[in-house]
Amino acid sequence: MPQLNPNPWFAILVFSWIIFLTVIPTKILSHTTPNEPAPMSEEKHKTEPWDWPW
C-alpha cells in the first residue's frame, strides 16, 4: 500500500511545520495596532450621595 510509505509525506509534514513555525508568526507579529492604548488616569471619580425621592 503506497500511502503507508513515509518518505514523501514525512518531508511534507516537516516542511509545512517549519513554515508554520517560522514564516507565519513573523508575519503576524509584524502587524501593529493603529491606536496604542493610552494609560488610564489614577484619580478616583468624585461620587456624591443620591437621595431617593420616596
Protein backbone atom coordinates (compact mmCIF):
# COMPACT_ATOMS: atom_id res chain seq x y z
CA MET A 1 0.00 0.00 0.00
CA PRO A 2 1.79 3.16 -1.14
CA GLN A 3 0.08 5.52 1.29
CA LEU A 4 2.00 3.89 4.15
CA ASN A 5 5.34 4.89 2.64
CA PRO A 6 6.51 7.75 4.92
CA ASN A 7 9.18 9.11 2.57
CA PRO A 8 7.31 11.91 0.76
CA TRP A 9 4.70 12.57 3.46
CA PHE A 10 7.13 12.99 6.33
CA ALA A 11 9.11 15.60 4.37
CA ILE A 12 5.90 17.46 3.53
CA LEU A 13 4.89 17.38 7.21
CA VAL A 14 8.26 18.68 8.38
CA PHE A 15 8.44 21.47 5.80
CA SER A 16 4.89 22.58 6.46
CA TRP A 17 5.59 22.81 10.22
CA ILE A 18 8.77 24.74 9.52
CA ILE A 19 6.71 27.21 7.51
CA PHE A 20 4.02 27.40 10.21
CA LEU A 21 6.55 27.98 12.98
CA THR A 22 8.85 30.47 11.25
CA VAL A 23 7.16 32.40 8.48
CA ILE A 24 3.61 32.83 9.72
CA PRO A 25 4.38 34.06 13.30
CA THR A 26 6.79 36.68 11.96
CA LYS A 27 4.13 37.95 9.57
CA ILE A 28 1.53 38.10 12.35
CA LEU A 29 3.85 39.78 14.86
CA SER A 30 4.91 42.43 12.35
CA HIS A 31 1.43 43.98 12.42
CA THR A 32 0.95 46.84 14.84
CA THR A 33 -2.22 48.18 16.34
CA PRO A 34 -3.31 51.51 14.82
CA ASN A 35 -4.06 53.10 18.20
CA GLU A 36 -1.76 52.34 21.08
CA PRO A 37 -3.63 52.04 24.37
CA ALA A 38 -3.43 55.16 26.50
CA PRO A 39 -2.75 54.79 30.22
CA MET A 40 -5.75 55.39 32.43
CA SER A 41 -5.66 58.22 34.94
CA GLU A 42 -5.39 57.08 38.53
CA GLU A 43 -7.63 59.74 40.04
CA LYS A 44 -10.83 58.45 41.56
CA HIS A 45 -14.19 59.67 40.39
CA LYS A 46 -15.95 62.03 42.74
CA THR A 47 -19.20 60.42 43.76
CA GLU A 48 -21.99 62.16 45.55
CA PRO A 49 -24.76 60.50 47.55
CA TRP A 50 -28.13 60.46 45.84
CA ASP A 51 -31.32 60.73 47.87
CA TRP A 52 -34.17 58.56 46.68
CA PRO A 53 -37.41 60.51 46.16
CA TRP A 54 -39.63 58.29 48.34
